[in-house]
């Protein structure tokens, strides 16, 4: 069995993966669900990508974790890519779940359609955070869930520190040069990025050699079907 560290995406905390983690734990895995700097209760929203990366590195080192299957969802892909570049000795495999795969010098906003960046720029609050509008959440992020599930999930989201989307990541090597095995988990109904500007294969192929696992579901399968997500993660993370 494996030691998992699952890194959440934008507007989330680690708590949103608890239902998924329960299924992985029932299968015998150890699962850690850190919350990145900027998304914890009471955190300053004027933090950048380096702060988020440092919080994950501190978590891995502080818990003295090794042989880790490190998974990232969406924005979490920015953070796990940097962690793999800087602490590869602690990792066994990387798993990207509909996640960004950046190269050195790229920001998350460089990897989304231009109209997304324009929308986010218009929504930045005085504290430096940005919130996902309900219509986009409902139609593009959690399109596979009943309305009541989508509403309850939306109520759990928190304003996200926008600088973590606009700061460029600093890497010493490209993702395809990382030595550990890599997997890409692609939810086939995920339209958080439009299918004309897709997660897979546009971003997944940056990993070089990787394992592809595809599963029906939206960007927020952790809410709509956590058991299905856990089963797909288990396939993506196994040796």
C-alpha atoms as a PDB file:
ATOM      1  CA  UNK A   1       0.000   0.000   0.000  1.00  0.00           C
ATOM      2  CA  UNK A   2       1.061   3.587  -0.655  1.00  0.00           C
ATOM      3  CA  UNK A   3       1.474   6.863   1.186  1.00  0.00           C
ATOM      4  CA  UNK A   4      -0.552   9.495  -0.654  1.00  0.00           C
ATOM      5  CA  UNK A   5      -0.372  13.266  -0.401  1.00  0.00           C
ATOM      6  CA  UNK A   6      -3.229  14.870  -2.331  1.00  0.00           C
ATOM      7  CA  UNK A   7      -2.908  18.570  -3.132  1.00  0.00           C
ATOM      8  CA  UNK A   8      -6.140  20.465  -3.730  1.00  0.00           C
ATOM      9  CA  UNK A   9      -6.952  22.913  -6.487  1.00  0.00           C
ATOM     10  CA  UNK A  10      -8.067  26.524  -6.447  1.00  0.00           C
ATOM     11  CA  UNK A  11     -10.844  27.612  -4.080  1.00  0.00           C
ATOM     12  CA  UNK A  12     -10.456  24.351  -2.128  1.00  0.00           C
ATOM     13  CA  UNK A  13      -8.819  23.026   1.015  1.00  0.00           C
ATOM     14  CA  UNK A  14      -7.635  19.536   1.808  1.00  0.00           C
ATOM     15  CA  UNK A  15     -10.962  18.887   3.548  1.00  0.00           C
ATOM     16  CA  UNK A  16     -12.782  18.641   0.228  1.00  0.00           C
ATOM     17  CA  UNK A  17     -10.896  15.386  -0.456  1.00  0.00           C
ATOM     18  CA  UNK A  18     -11.902  13.671   2.795  1.00  0.00           C
ATOM     19  CA  UNK A  19     -14.625  11.566   1.152  1.00  0.00           C
ATOM     20  CA  UNK A  20     -12.200  10.400  -1.532  1.00  0.00           C
ATOM     21  CA  UNK A  21      -9.482   9.763   1.037  1.00  0.00           C
ATOM     22  CA  UNK A  22     -11.847   7.568   3.048  1.00  0.00           C
ATOM     23  CA  UNK A  23     -12.113   5.153   0.104  1.00  0.00           C
ATOM     24  CA  UNK A  24      -8.335   5.121  -0.408  1.00  0.00           C
ATOM     25  CA  UNK A  25      -7.797   4.479   3.299  1.00  0.00           C
ATOM     26  CA  UNK A  26     -10.323   1.652   3.214  1.00  0.00           C
ATOM     27  CA  UNK A  27      -8.171   0.098   0.492  1.00  0.00           C
ATOM     28  CA  UNK A  28      -5.167   0.222   2.820  1.00  0.00           C
ATOM     29  CA  UNK A  29      -3.460   3.452   1.791  1.00  0.00           C
ATOM     30  CA  UNK A  30      -2.222   6.217   4.069  1.00  0.00           C
ATOM     31  CA  UNK A  31      -3.573   9.572   2.861  1.00  0.00           C
ATOM     32  CA  UNK A  32      -2.491  13.116   3.768  1.00  0.00           C
ATOM     33  CA  UNK A  33      -4.580  16.136   2.751  1.00  0.00           C
ATOM     34  CA  UNK A  34      -2.615  19.348   3.351  1.00  0.00           C
ATOM     35  CA  UNK A  35      -4.114  22.763   2.720  1.00  0.00           C
ATOM     36  CA  UNK A  36      -1.805  25.145   0.894  1.00  0.00           C
ATOM     37  CA  UNK A  37      -0.860  28.598   2.096  1.00  0.00           C
ATOM     38  CA  UNK A  38      -3.518  31.089   1.046  1.00  0.00           C
ATOM     39  CA  UNK A  39      -6.427  28.666   1.374  1.00  0.00           C
ATOM     40  CA  UNK A  40      -6.294  27.933   5.094  1.00  0.00           C
ATOM     41  CA  UNK A  41      -8.773  29.626   7.408  1.00  0.00           C
ATOM     42  CA  UNK A  42      -7.517  33.083   8.284  1.00  0.00           C
ATOM     43  CA  UNK A  43      -4.718  33.097   5.706  1.00  0.00           C
ATOM     44  CA  UNK A  44      -3.653  36.332   4.071  1.00  0.00           C
ATOM     45  CA  UNK A  45      -4.917  36.294   0.485  1.00  0.00           C
ATOM     46  CA  UNK A  46      -1.986  38.384  -0.740  1.00  0.00           C
ATOM     47  CA  UNK A  47       0.309  35.373  -0.995  1.00  0.00           C
ATOM     48  CA  UNK A  48       2.054  34.062  -4.058  1.00  0.00           C
ATOM     49  CA  UNK A  49       2.819  30.760  -5.709  1.00  0.00           C
ATOM     50  CA  UNK A  50       6.148  30.410  -3.887  1.00  0.00           C
ATOM     51  CA  UNK A  51       4.302  30.619  -0.558  1.00  0.00           C
ATOM     52  CA  UNK A  52       1.991  27.796  -1.614  1.00  0.00           C
ATOM     53  CA  UNK A  53       4.893  25.671  -2.830  1.00  0.00           C
ATOM     54  CA  UNK A  54       6.831  26.301   0.393  1.00  0.00           C
ATOM     55  CA  UNK A  55       3.842  25.210   2.461  1.00  0.00           C
ATOM     56  CA  UNK A  56       3.764  21.851   0.673  1.00  0.00           C
ATOM     57  CA  UNK A  57       7.536  21.372   0.978  1.00  0.00           C
ATOM     58  CA  UNK A  58       7.287  22.180   4.691  1.00  0.00           C
ATOM     59  CA  UNK A  59       4.477  19.654   5.065  1.00  0.00           C
ATOM     60  CA  UNK A  60       6.435  16.859   3.385  1.00  0.00           C
ATOM     61  CA  UNK A  61       9.562  17.586   5.408  1.00  0.00           C
ATOM     62  CA  UNK A  62       7.748  18.265   8.676  1.00  0.00           C
ATOM     63  CA  UNK A  63       5.901  14.946   8.517  1.00  0.00           C
ATOM     64  CA  UNK A  64       9.117  13.261   7.311  1.00  0.00           C
ATOM     65  CA  UNK A  65       7.243  11.632   4.444  1.00  0.00           C
ATOM     66  CA  UNK A  66       9.038   9.518   1.860  1.00  0.00           C
ATOM     67  CA  UNK A  67       8.113   7.153  -0.977  1.00  0.00           C
ATOM     68  CA  UNK A  68       5.103   9.407  -1.534  1.00  0.00           C
ATOM     69  CA  UNK A  69       2.532   9.255  -4.312  1.00  0.00           C
ATOM     70  CA  UNK A  70       2.031  13.003  -4.758  1.00  0.00           C
ATOM     71  CA  UNK A  71      -1.224  13.933  -6.474  1.00  0.00           C
ATOM     72  CA  UNK A  72      -2.370  17.362  -7.580  1.00  0.00           C
ATOM     73  CA  UNK A  73      -5.761  18.562  -8.753  1.00  0.00           C
ATOM     74  CA  UNK A  74      -6.069  21.479 -11.172  1.00  0.00           C
ATOM     75  CA  UNK A  75      -4.028  24.392  -9.696  1.00  0.00           C
ATOM     76  CA  UNK A  76      -2.367  21.777  -7.488  1.00  0.00           C
ATOM     77  CA  UNK A  77      -0.448  20.648 -10.553  1.00  0.00           C
ATOM     78  CA  UNK A  78       1.542  23.881 -10.437  1.00  0.00           C
ATOM     79  CA  UNK A  79       2.555  23.124  -6.859  1.00  0.00           C
ATOM     80  CA  UNK A  80       3.359  19.421  -7.182  1.00  0.00           C
ATOM     81  CA  UNK A  81       5.521  20.079 -10.250  1.00  0.00           C
ATOM     82  CA  UNK A  82       7.668  22.469  -8.230  1.00  0.00           C
ATOM     83  CA  UNK A  83       7.756  20.083  -5.265  1.00  0.00           C
ATOM     84  CA  UNK A  84       8.923  17.241  -7.509  1.00  0.00           C
ATOM     85  CA  UNK A  85      11.656  19.483  -8.903  1.00  0.00           C
ATOM     86  CA  UNK A  86      12.898  20.432  -5.429  1.00  0.00           C
ATOM     87  CA  UNK A  87      12.294  17.330  -3.270  1.00  0.00           C
ATOM     88  CA  UNK A  88      12.391  14.388  -5.704  1.00  0.00           C
ATOM     89  CA  UNK A  89      13.999  12.114  -3.128  1.00  0.00           C
ATOM     90  CA  UNK A  90      10.749  12.015  -1.133  1.00  0.00           C
ATOM     91  CA  UNK A  91       8.534  10.988  -4.052  1.00  0.00           C
ATOM     92  CA  UNK A  92       7.561   7.690  -5.632  1.00  0.00           C
ATOM     93  CA  UNK A  93       5.128   8.867  -8.327  1.00  0.00           C
ATOM     94  CA  UNK A  94       3.349  12.024  -9.477  1.00  0.00           C
ATOM     95  CA  UNK A  95      -0.362  11.899 -10.272  1.00  0.00           C
ATOM     96  CA  UNK A  96      -1.978  14.833 -12.063  1.00  0.00           C
ATOM     97  CA  UNK A  97      -5.796  14.886 -11.878  1.00  0.00           C
ATOM     98  CA  UNK A  98      -6.988  17.307 -14.564  1.00  0.00           C
ATOM     99  CA  UNK A  99      -4.094  19.410 -13.412  1.00  0.00           C
ATOM    100  CA  UNK A 100      -1.804  22.032 -14.886  1.00  0.00           C
ATOM    101  CA  UNK A 101       1.646  20.886 -16.004  1.00  0.00           C
ATOM    102  CA  UNK A 102       3.807  24.012 -16.165  1.00  0.00           C
ATOM    103  CA  UNK A 103       7.211  24.626 -17.628  1.00  0.00           C
ATOM    104  CA  UNK A 104       9.735  26.995 -16.092  1.00  0.00           C
ATOM    105  CA  UNK A 105       8.551  30.604 -16.170  1.00  0.00           C
ATOM    106  CA  UNK A 106       4.892  29.822 -16.831  1.00  0.00           C
ATOM    107  CA  UNK A 107       2.007  30.967 -14.654  1.00  0.00           C
ATOM    108  CA  UNK A 108      -1.336  29.233 -14.409  1.00  0.00           C
ATOM    109  CA  UNK A 109      -2.977  32.090 -16.305  1.00  0.00           C
ATOM    110  CA  UNK A 110      -0.614  31.376 -19.220  1.00  0.00           C
ATOM    111  CA  UNK A 111      -2.205  27.919 -19.540  1.00  0.00           C
ATOM    112  CA  UNK A 112      -5.881  28.924 -19.676  1.00  0.00           C
ATOM    113  CA  UNK A 113      -7.863  30.625 -22.458  1.00  0.00           C
ATOM    114  CA  UNK A 114      -7.414  34.398 -22.618  1.00  0.00           C
ATOM    115  CA  UNK A 115     -11.025  35.064 -21.659  1.00  0.00           C
ATOM    116  CA  UNK A 116     -10.479  33.196 -18.364  1.00  0.00           C
ATOM    117  CA  UNK A 117      -7.643  35.516 -17.410  1.00  0.00           C
ATOM    118  CA  UNK A 118      -9.719  38.544 -18.383  1.00  0.00           C
ATOM    119  CA  UNK A 119     -12.584  37.261 -16.224  1.00  0.00           C
ATOM    120  CA  UNK A 120     -10.331  36.655 -13.228  1.00  0.00           C
ATOM    121  CA  UNK A 121      -8.684  40.086 -13.623  1.00  0.00           C
ATOM    122  CA  UNK A 122     -12.141  41.649 -13.426  1.00  0.00           C
ATOM    123  CA  UNK A 123     -13.066  39.662 -10.302  1.00  0.00           C
ATOM    124  CA  UNK A 124     -10.024  40.377  -8.112  1.00  0.00           C
ATOM    125  CA  UNK A 125     -11.149  41.642  -4.716  1.00  0.00           C
ATOM    126  CA  UNK A 126      -9.460  44.285  -2.599  1.00  0.00           C
ATOM    127  CA  UNK A 127      -7.665  41.610  -0.554  1.00  0.00           C
ATOM    128  CA  UNK A 128      -6.108  40.069  -3.656  1.00  0.00           C
ATOM    129  CA  UNK A 129      -8.446  37.086  -3.868  1.00  0.00           C
ATOM    130  CA  UNK A 130     -10.716  35.879  -6.643  1.00  0.00           C
ATOM    131  CA  UNK A 131     -13.891  33.808  -6.346  1.00  0.00           C
ATOM    132  CA  UNK A 132     -15.317  31.436  -8.932  1.00  0.00           C
ATOM    133  CA  UNK A 133     -18.742  32.599 -10.166  1.00  0.00           C
ATOM    134  CA  UNK A 134     -21.625  30.192  -9.579  1.00  0.00           C
ATOM    135  CA  UNK A 135     -22.657  29.806 -13.263  1.00  0.00           C
ATOM    136  CA  UNK A 136     -19.130  28.716 -14.228  1.00  0.00           C
ATOM    137  CA  UNK A 137     -18.973  26.352 -11.260  1.00  0.00           C
ATOM    138  CA  UNK A 138     -22.311  24.782 -12.115  1.00  0.00           C
ATOM    139  CA  UNK A 139     -21.908  24.351 -15.861  1.00  0.00           C
ATOM    140  CA  UNK A 140     -18.166  23.817 -16.313  1.00  0.00           C
ATOM    141  CA  UNK A 141     -16.784  22.496 -13.031  1.00  0.00           C
ATOM    142  CA  UNK A 142     -19.466  20.227 -11.571  1.00  0.00           C
ATOM    143  CA  UNK A 143     -21.737  19.486 -14.525  1.00  0.00           C
ATOM    144  CA  UNK A 144     -22.161  15.830 -13.503  1.00  0.00           C
ATOM    145  CA  UNK A 145     -23.744  16.479 -10.092  1.00  0.00           C
ATOM    146  CA  UNK A 146     -27.345  17.104  -9.012  1.00  0.00           C
ATOM    147  CA  UNK A 147     -28.131  20.710  -8.170  1.00  0.00           C
ATOM    148  CA  UNK A 148     -28.199  20.139  -4.415  1.00  0.00           C
ATOM    149  CA  UNK A 149     -24.727  18.547  -4.467  1.00  0.00           C
ATOM    150  CA  UNK A 150     -23.390  21.409  -6.595  1.00  0.00           C
ATOM    151  CA  UNK A 151     -24.864  23.996  -4.209  1.00  0.00           C
ATOM    152  CA  UNK A 152     -23.469  22.341  -1.075  1.00  0.00           C
ATOM    153  CA  UNK A 153     -20.051  22.008  -2.685  1.00  0.00           C
ATOM    154  CA  UNK A 154     -20.043  25.637  -3.819  1.00  0.00           C
ATOM    155  CA  UNK A 155     -20.804  26.763  -0.274  1.00  0.00           C
ATOM    156  CA  UNK A 156     -17.563  25.094   0.853  1.00  0.00           C
ATOM    157  CA  UNK A 157     -15.308  27.006  -1.552  1.00  0.00           C
ATOM    158  CA  UNK A 158     -13.138  29.871  -0.336  1.00  0.00           C
ATOM    159  CA  UNK A 159     -11.745  32.929  -2.123  1.00  0.00           C
ATOM    160  CA  UNK A 160      -8.456  32.048  -3.769  1.00  0.00           C
ATOM    161  CA  UNK A 161      -5.229  34.126  -3.645  1.00  0.00           C
ATOM    162  CA  UNK A 162      -4.949  35.370  -7.200  1.00  0.00           C
ATOM    163  CA  UNK A 163      -1.167  35.859  -7.176  1.00  0.00           C
ATOM    164  CA  UNK A 164      -0.794  32.073  -7.081  1.00  0.00           C
ATOM    165  CA  UNK A 165      -2.408  32.085 -10.530  1.00  0.00           C
ATOM    166  CA  UNK A 166      -0.333  34.959 -11.942  1.00  0.00           C
ATOM    167  CA  UNK A 167       3.109  34.204 -10.469  1.00  0.00           C
ATOM    168  CA  UNK A 168       5.435  32.219 -12.769  1.00  0.00           C
ATOM    169  CA  UNK A 169       6.754  28.923 -11.448  1.00  0.00           C
ATOM    170  CA  UNK A 170      10.509  28.455 -11.159  1.00  0.00           C
ATOM    171  CA  UNK A 171      11.776  25.024 -12.159  1.00  0.00           C
ATOM    172  CA  UNK A 172      15.267  23.673 -12.744  1.00  0.00           C
ATOM    173  CA  UNK A 173      14.031  21.086 -15.256  1.00  0.00           C
ATOM    174  CA  UNK A 174      11.051  20.462 -17.499  1.00  0.00           C
ATOM    175  CA  UNK A 175       8.312  18.106 -16.259  1.00  0.00           C
ATOM    176  CA  UNK A 176       9.304  15.438 -18.770  1.00  0.00           C
ATOM    177  CA  UNK A 177      12.800  15.397 -17.255  1.00  0.00           C
ATOM    178  CA  UNK A 178      11.574  14.508 -13.757  1.00  0.00           C
ATOM    179  CA  UNK A 179      12.897  11.068 -12.913  1.00  0.00           C
ATOM    180  CA  UNK A 180       9.932   9.616 -11.012  1.00  0.00           C
ATOM    181  CA  UNK A 181       7.022   7.864 -12.771  1.00  0.00           C
ATOM    182  CA  UNK A 182       4.085  10.084 -13.694  1.00  0.00           C
ATOM    183  CA  UNK A 183       0.379   9.551 -14.300  1.00  0.00           C
ATOM    184  CA  UNK A 184      -2.362  11.738 -15.725  1.00  0.00           C
ATOM    185  CA  UNK A 185      -5.952  11.169 -14.587  1.00  0.00           C
ATOM    186  CA  UNK A 186      -8.378  12.714 -17.057  1.00  0.00           C
ATOM    187  CA  UNK A 187     -12.077  13.133 -16.272  1.00  0.00           C
ATOM    188  CA  UNK A 188     -13.731  12.929 -19.659  1.00  0.00           C
ATOM    189  CA  UNK A 189     -16.623  15.324 -18.908  1.00  0.00           C
ATOM    190  CA  UNK A 190     -14.364  17.982 -17.392  1.00  0.00           C
ATOM    191  CA  UNK A 191     -15.051  21.286 -19.161  1.00  0.00           C
ATOM    192  CA  UNK A 192     -13.382  23.556 -16.601  1.00  0.00           C
ATOM    193  CA  UNK A 193     -11.026  23.987 -19.528  1.00  0.00           C
ATOM    194  CA  UNK A 194     -12.924  23.860 -22.815  1.00  0.00           C
ATOM    195  CA  UNK A 195     -12.394  20.738 -24.886  1.00  0.00           C
ATOM    196  CA  UNK A 196     -10.945  22.932 -27.621  1.00  0.00           C
ATOM    197  CA  UNK A 197      -8.196  23.908 -25.131  1.00  0.00           C
ATOM    198  CA  UNK A 198      -8.018  20.629 -23.208  1.00  0.00           C
ATOM    199  CA  UNK A 199      -6.290  19.185 -20.173  1.00  0.00           C
ATOM    200  CA  UNK A 200      -5.443  16.023 -22.124  1.00  0.00           C
ATOM    201  CA  UNK A 201      -3.497  15.749 -24.368  1.00  0.00           C
ATOM    202  CA  UNK A 202      -2.433  19.419 -24.452  1.00  0.00           C
ATOM    203  CA  UNK A 203      -1.012  19.430 -20.910  1.00  0.00           C
ATOM    204  CA  UNK A 204      -0.585  15.740 -20.158  1.00  0.00           C
ATOM    205  CA  UNK A 205       1.875  15.256 -23.019  1.00  0.00           C
ATOM    206  CA  UNK A 206       4.276  17.640 -21.308  1.00  0.00           C
ATOM    207  CA  UNK A 207       5.025  14.793 -18.891  1.00  0.00           C
ATOM    208  CA  UNK A 208       6.914  12.772 -21.479  1.00  0.00           C
ATOM    209  CA  UNK A 209       6.372   9.119 -20.614  1.00  0.00           C
ATOM    210  CA  UNK A 210       3.238   8.873 -18.465  1.00  0.00           C
ATOM    211  CA  UNK A 211       0.357   6.577 -17.568  1.00  0.00           C
ATOM    212  CA  UNK A 212      -3.035   7.770 -18.783  1.00  0.00           C
ATOM    213  CA  UNK A 213      -6.115   6.894 -16.740  1.00  0.00           C
ATOM    214  CA  UNK A 214      -9.484   8.153 -17.972  1.00  0.00           C
ATOM    215  CA  UNK A 215     -12.715   8.138 -15.992  1.00  0.00           C
ATOM    216  CA  UNK A 216     -16.200   9.565 -16.607  1.00  0.00           C
ATOM    217  CA  UNK A 217     -16.820  12.677 -14.558  1.00  0.00           C
ATOM    218  CA  UNK A 218     -16.463  16.402 -14.117  1.00  0.00           C
ATOM    219  CA  UNK A 219     -13.656  18.564 -12.741  1.00  0.00           C
ATOM    220  CA  UNK A 220     -15.164  18.095  -9.270  1.00  0.00           C
ATOM    221  CA  UNK A 221     -15.532  14.322  -9.139  1.00  0.00           C
ATOM    222  CA  UNK A 222     -14.413  14.548  -5.501  1.00  0.00           C
ATOM    223  CA  UNK A 223     -17.913  15.887  -4.762  1.00  0.00           C
ATOM    224  CA  UNK A 224     -20.038  14.115  -7.361  1.00  0.00           C
ATOM    225  CA  UNK A 225     -18.583  10.591  -7.016  1.00  0.00           C
ATOM    226  CA  UNK A 226     -15.679  10.285  -4.546  1.00  0.00           C
ATOM    227  CA  UNK A 227     -15.685   6.480  -4.732  1.00  0.00           C
ATOM    228  CA  UNK A 228     -15.177   6.560  -8.495  1.00  0.00           C
ATOM    229  CA  UNK A 229     -12.415   9.133  -8.116  1.00  0.00           C
ATOM    230  CA  UNK A 230     -10.660   7.034  -5.462  1.00  0.00           C
ATOM    231  CA  UNK A 231     -10.761   3.952  -7.688  1.00  0.00           C
ATOM    232  CA  UNK A 232      -9.266   5.910 -10.589  1.00  0.00           C
ATOM    233  CA  UNK A 233      -6.567   7.423  -8.352  1.00  0.00           C
ATOM    234  CA  UNK A 234      -5.705   3.940  -7.113  1.00  0.00           C
ATOM    235  CA  UNK A 235      -5.090   2.820 -10.702  1.00  0.00           C
ATOM    236  CA  UNK A 236      -3.110   5.979 -11.463  1.00  0.00           C
ATOM    237  CA  UNK A 237      -0.937   5.610  -8.375  1.00  0.00           C
ATOM    238  CA  UNK A 238      -0.081   1.931  -8.371  1.00  0.00           C
ATOM    239  CA  UNK A 239       3.296   0.572  -9.426  1.00  0.00           C
END
